[in-house]
Protein backbone atom coordinates (compact mmCIF):
# COMPACT_ATOMS: atom_id res chain seq x y z
CA UNK A 1 0.00 0.00 0.00
CA UNK A 2 1.38 3.43 -0.99
CA UNK A 3 1.82 5.80 1.96
CA UNK A 4 0.07 9.14 1.41
CA UNK A 5 1.48 12.51 2.45
CA UNK A 6 0.01 14.20 5.50
CA UNK A 7 -0.24 17.79 6.68
CA UNK A 8 -1.48 20.97 5.02
CA UNK A 9 -1.55 21.26 1.24
CA UNK A 10 1.49 22.98 -0.20
CA UNK A 11 1.29 25.89 -2.66
CA UNK A 12 2.16 23.58 -5.62
CA UNK A 13 -0.57 21.18 -4.45
CA UNK A 14 -3.14 23.99 -4.38
CA UNK A 15 -2.07 25.20 -7.83
CA UNK A 16 -2.36 21.67 -9.24
CA UNK A 17 -5.89 21.26 -7.85
CA UNK A 18 -6.99 24.67 -9.14
CA UNK A 19 -5.67 23.95 -12.65
CA UNK A 20 -7.08 20.41 -12.90
CA UNK A 21 -10.31 20.46 -10.89
CA UNK A 22 -12.45 20.15 -14.03
CA UNK A 23 -10.10 17.74 -15.83
CA UNK A 24 -9.70 14.97 -13.25
CA UNK A 25 -11.75 13.42 -10.49
CA UNK A 26 -10.94 14.08 -6.84
CA UNK A 27 -9.54 10.56 -6.53
CA UNK A 28 -7.24 11.06 -9.53
CA UNK A 29 -5.92 14.38 -8.21
CA UNK A 30 -5.37 12.91 -4.73
CA UNK A 31 -3.48 9.97 -6.25
CA UNK A 32 -1.33 12.30 -8.40
CA UNK A 33 -0.46 14.41 -5.34
CA UNK A 34 0.17 11.36 -3.16
CA UNK A 35 -2.52 12.43 -0.71
CA UNK A 36 -5.80 11.17 0.64
CA UNK A 37 -9.08 12.32 -0.88
CA UNK A 38 -10.33 14.28 2.16
CA UNK A 39 -7.93 17.30 2.07
CA UNK A 40 -8.46 17.64 -1.70
CA UNK A 41 -12.25 17.62 -1.26
CA UNK A 42 -12.04 20.16 1.55
CA UNK A 43 -9.84 22.48 -0.49
CA UNK A 44 -12.17 22.33 -3.51
CA UNK A 45 -15.26 22.97 -1.36
CA UNK A 46 -13.68 25.75 0.69
CA UNK A 47 -12.46 27.62 -2.40
CA UNK A 48 -15.57 26.99 -4.54
CA UNK A 49 -13.49 25.46 -7.34
CA UNK A 50 -14.86 23.71 -10.42
CA UNK A 51 -18.05 23.91 -12.43
CA UNK A 52 -20.25 22.51 -9.68
CA UNK A 53 -19.29 25.28 -7.26
CA UNK A 54 -20.28 28.91 -7.46
CA UNK A 55 -17.38 31.15 -8.55
CA UNK A 56 -18.59 33.91 -6.25
CA UNK A 57 -17.07 34.09 -2.82
CA UNK A 58 -19.20 35.01 0.20
CA UNK A 59 -18.67 38.52 1.59
CA UNK A 60 -15.76 38.65 4.02
CA UNK A 61 -14.48 35.14 3.21
CA UNK A 62 -10.86 34.77 2.09
CA UNK A 63 -9.69 31.67 0.25
CA UNK A 64 -6.14 30.35 0.03
CA UNK A 65 -5.74 31.74 -3.48
CA UNK A 66 -6.97 35.17 -2.42
CA UNK A 67 -4.51 35.21 0.51
CA UNK A 68 -1.64 34.11 -1.73
CA UNK A 69 -2.52 36.73 -4.34
CA UNK A 70 -2.64 39.47 -1.69
CA UNK A 71 0.73 38.31 -0.30
CA UNK A 72 2.41 38.64 -3.71
CA UNK A 73 1.17 42.24 -3.98
CA UNK A 74 2.78 43.29 -0.71
CA UNK A 75 5.99 45.33 -0.84
CA UNK A 76 7.94 43.04 1.50
CA UNK A 77 7.22 40.01 -0.71
CA UNK A 78 9.37 41.47 -3.52
CA UNK A 79 12.25 41.78 -1.05
CA UNK A 80 11.76 38.19 0.08
CA UNK A 81 12.21 36.88 -3.46
CA UNK A 82 15.67 38.51 -3.58
CA UNK A 83 16.69 37.36 -0.08
CA UNK A 84 15.41 33.78 -0.01
CA UNK A 85 15.92 30.80 -2.29
CA UNK A 86 13.04 29.49 -4.41
CA UNK A 87 12.28 26.58 -1.98
CA UNK A 88 12.40 29.03 0.93
CA UNK A 89 9.97 31.41 -0.79
CA UNK A 90 7.63 28.45 -1.38
CA UNK A 91 8.00 27.51 2.32
CA UNK A 92 7.19 31.10 3.33
CA UNK A 93 4.08 31.24 1.10
CA UNK A 94 2.77 27.92 2.39
CA UNK A 95 3.10 28.88 6.04
CA UNK A 96 1.76 32.41 5.43
CA UNK A 97 -1.36 31.01 3.74
CA UNK A 98 -1.90 28.38 6.47
CA UNK A 99 -1.61 30.97 9.25
CA UNK A 100 -3.91 33.46 7.50
CA UNK A 101 -6.50 30.69 6.98
CA UNK A 102 -6.23 29.89 10.68
CA UNK A 103 -6.84 33.58 11.48
CA UNK A 104 -9.65 33.82 8.87
CA UNK A 105 -7.54 36.30 6.88
CA UNK A 106 -7.88 38.80 9.73
CA UNK A 107 -4.49 40.37 10.57
CA UNK A 108 -3.56 43.97 11.23
CA UNK A 109 -0.50 45.46 9.53
CA UNK A 110 1.58 45.15 12.70
CA UNK A 111 0.51 41.52 13.11
CA UNK A 112 1.45 40.80 9.50
CA UNK A 113 4.98 42.04 10.15
CA UNK A 114 5.21 39.90 13.28
CA UNK A 115 4.06 36.87 11.31
CA UNK A 116 6.56 37.64 8.53
CA UNK A 117 9.43 37.82 11.03
CA UNK A 118 8.29 34.60 12.67
CA UNK A 119 8.29 32.65 9.39
CA UNK A 120 11.70 34.08 8.42
CA UNK A 121 13.08 32.95 11.79
CA UNK A 122 11.78 29.44 11.02
CA UNK A 123 13.57 29.58 7.65
CA UNK A 124 16.81 30.66 9.36
CA UNK A 125 16.46 27.74 11.79
CA UNK A 126 16.07 25.43 8.81
CA UNK A 127 19.22 26.91 7.26
CA UNK A 128 21.18 26.33 10.46
CA UNK A 129 19.94 22.75 10.62
CA UNK A 130 20.91 22.07 7.00
CA UNK A 131 24.39 23.57 7.55
CA UNK A 132 24.89 21.44 10.67
CA UNK A 133 23.97 18.31 8.76
CA UNK A 134 26.56 19.15 6.08
CA UNK A 135 29.18 19.64 8.81
CA UNK A 136 28.40 16.27 10.36
CA UNK A 137 28.64 14.55 6.96
CA UNK A 138 31.98 16.28 6.31
CA UNK A 139 33.32 15.18 9.71
CA UNK A 140 32.38 11.56 8.99
CA UNK A 141 34.07 11.67 5.58
CA UNK A 142 37.25 13.24 7.04
CA UNK A 143 37.39 10.62 9.81
CA UNK A 144 37.18 7.86 7.20
CA UNK A 145 39.96 9.51 5.18
CA UNK A 146 42.18 9.77 8.28
CA UNK A 147 41.52 6.13 9.14
CA UNK A 148 42.49 5.02 5.62
CA UNK A 149 45.62 7.21 5.71
CA UNK A 150 46.75 5.72 9.02
CA UNK A 151 46.45 2.23 7.62
CA UNK A 152 49.14 3.06 5.03
CA UNK A 153 52.83 2.42 5.64
CA UNK A 154 54.66 5.26 7.35
CA UNK A 155 56.79 5.79 4.26
CA UNK A 156 53.87 6.56 1.96
CA UNK A 157 51.61 8.24 4.49
CA UNK A 158 51.02 11.95 3.87
CA UNK A 159 51.36 13.28 7.41
CA UNK A 160 50.74 16.88 6.40
CA UNK A 161 47.47 15.96 4.75
CA UNK A 162 46.40 14.04 7.87
CA UNK A 163 47.17 17.09 10.02
CA UNK A 164 45.20 19.27 7.64
CA UNK A 165 42.15 16.95 7.91
CA UNK A 166 42.42 16.88 11.70
CA UNK A 167 42.49 20.70 11.76
CA UNK A 168 39.48 20.75 9.43
CA UNK A 169 37.57 18.45 11.80
CA UNK A 170 38.42 20.72 14.73
CA UNK A 171 37.16 23.73 12.78
CA UNK A 172 33.89 21.94 11.90
CA UNK A 173 33.33 20.91 15.51
CA UNK A 174 33.88 24.49 16.63
CA UNK A 175 31.26 25.57 14.10
CA UNK A 176 28.90 22.90 15.47
CA UNK A 177 29.23 24.32 18.98
CA UNK A 178 28.36 27.75 17.52
CA UNK A 179 25.33 26.17 15.80
CA UNK A 180 23.88 25.14 19.16
CA UNK A 181 24.19 28.71 20.44
CA UNK A 182 22.74 30.20 17.24
CA UNK A 183 19.84 27.73 17.23
CA UNK A 184 18.98 28.54 20.84
CA UNK A 185 19.02 32.26 20.04
CA UNK A 186 16.76 31.77 17.01
CA UNK A 187 14.36 29.60 19.04
CA UNK A 188 14.19 32.25 21.78
CA UNK A 189 13.48 34.99 19.24
CA UNK A 190 10.81 32.86 17.52
CA UNK A 191 9.19 32.14 20.88
CA UNK A 192 9.07 35.87 21.67
CA UNK A 193 7.51 36.57 18.26
CA UNK A 194 4.84 33.90 18.83
CA UNK A 195 4.03 35.38 22.24
CA UNK A 196 3.86 38.90 20.77
CA UNK A 197 1.53 37.76 17.99
CA UNK A 198 -0.60 35.80 20.45
CA UNK A 199 -0.75 38.75 22.87
CA UNK A 200 -1.74 41.12 20.07
CA UNK A 201 -4.61 38.90 18.97
CA UNK A 202 -5.71 38.28 22.58
CA UNK A 203 -5.86 42.06 23.13
CA UNK A 204 -7.97 42.51 20.00
CA UNK A 205 -10.30 39.71 21.11
CA UNK A 206 -10.58 41.29 24.56
CA UNK A 207 -11.35 44.70 23.02
CA UNK A 208 -13.99 43.09 20.84
CA UNK A 209 -15.52 41.31 23.83
CA UNK A 210 -15.56 44.54 25.83
CA UNK A 211 -17.12 46.39 22.91
CA UNK A 212 -20.19 44.17 23.28
CA UNK A 213 -20.71 45.61 26.76
CA UNK A 214 -19.27 49.12 26.59
CA UNK A 215 -20.92 51.27 23.90
CA UNK A 216 -18.08 53.83 23.96
CA UNK A 217 -15.52 51.05 23.44
CA UNK A 218 -17.63 49.67 20.61
CA UNK A 219 -17.59 53.08 18.89
CA UNK A 220 -13.82 53.18 19.34
CA UNK A 221 -13.59 49.70 17.81
CA UNK A 222 -15.60 50.97 14.84
CA UNK A 223 -13.04 53.71 14.25
CA UNK A 224 -10.83 51.10 12.57
CA UNK A 225 -11.55 51.03 8.84
CA UNK A 226 -11.47 47.22 8.58
CA UNK A 227 -13.94 46.79 11.45
CA UNK A 228 -16.24 49.49 10.11
CA UNK A 229 -16.17 47.97 6.61
CA UNK A 230 -16.92 44.49 7.93
CA UNK A 231 -19.86 45.67 10.04
CA UNK A 232 -21.16 47.71 7.09
CA UNK A 233 -21.08 44.66 4.81
CA UNK A 234 -22.86 42.55 7.40
CA UNK A 235 -25.55 45.21 7.91
CA UNK A 236 -26.10 45.52 4.15
CA UNK A 237 -26.39 41.73 3.76
CA UNK A 238 -28.92 41.60 6.62
CA UNK A 239 -30.88 44.47 5.06
CA UNK A 240 -31.05 42.77 1.65
CA UNK A 241 -32.01 39.46 3.21
CA UNK A 242 -34.76 41.17 5.21
CA UNK A 243 -36.17 42.89 2.10
CA UNK A 244 -36.09 39.66 0.11
CA UNK A 245 -37.86 37.68 2.81
CA UNK A 246 -40.43 40.43 3.37
CA UNK A 247 -41.21 40.40 -0.34
CA UNK A 248 -41.66 36.63 -0.31
CA UNK A 249 -43.90 36.62 2.75
CA UNK A 250 -46.06 39.48 1.45
CA UNK A 251 -47.16 37.58 -1.67
CA UNK A 252 -50.62 36.01 -2.03
CA UNK A 253 -50.97 32.85 0.05
CA UNK A 254 -53.54 30.02 0.03
CA UNK A 255 -54.60 29.44 3.61
CA UNK A 256 -55.98 26.18 5.04
CA UNK A 257 -59.59 27.43 4.62
CA UNK A 258 -58.91 27.97 0.88
CA UNK A 259 -58.87 31.77 1.24
CA UNK A 260 -56.37 33.46 -1.04
CA UNK A 261 -55.01 36.70 0.38
CA UNK A 262 -51.85 38.46 1.49
CA UNK A 263 -50.59 38.04 5.06
CA UNK A 264 -50.59 41.28 7.03
CA UNK A 265 -46.96 41.87 7.97
CA UNK A 266 -47.19 45.64 8.32
CA UNK A 267 -49.05 48.61 6.91
CA UNK A 268 -47.30 48.22 3.56
CA UNK A 269 -48.68 44.72 2.97
CA UNK A 270 -52.31 45.64 3.54
CA UNK A 271 -54.34 45.79 0.27
CA UNK A 272 -56.61 48.72 -0.47
Foldseek 3Di string as FASTA:
>chain_A
DQQADDDADFPVLLVVCQVCVAPDDLCVSRVVNRHDSVNSVVLCVLCQGDDVGDNDDPPLADHLVNQLVVLCPDPVLVVCPVVDDPVLNSQLSRVSSVVCVVVRVDDDPVLVVLSSVLSVLVVVLVVLVVVLVVLVVLLVVLVVVLVVLVVDDPVPRDVVVNVVSVVVNVVSVVVVVVSVVVNVVSVVVSVVSVVVSVVVVVVVVVLVVVVVPDVVSVVVVCVDPVNVVVVVVVVVVVVVVVVVVVVVQLAWDQDPVRDTAGDPPDPVSDDD
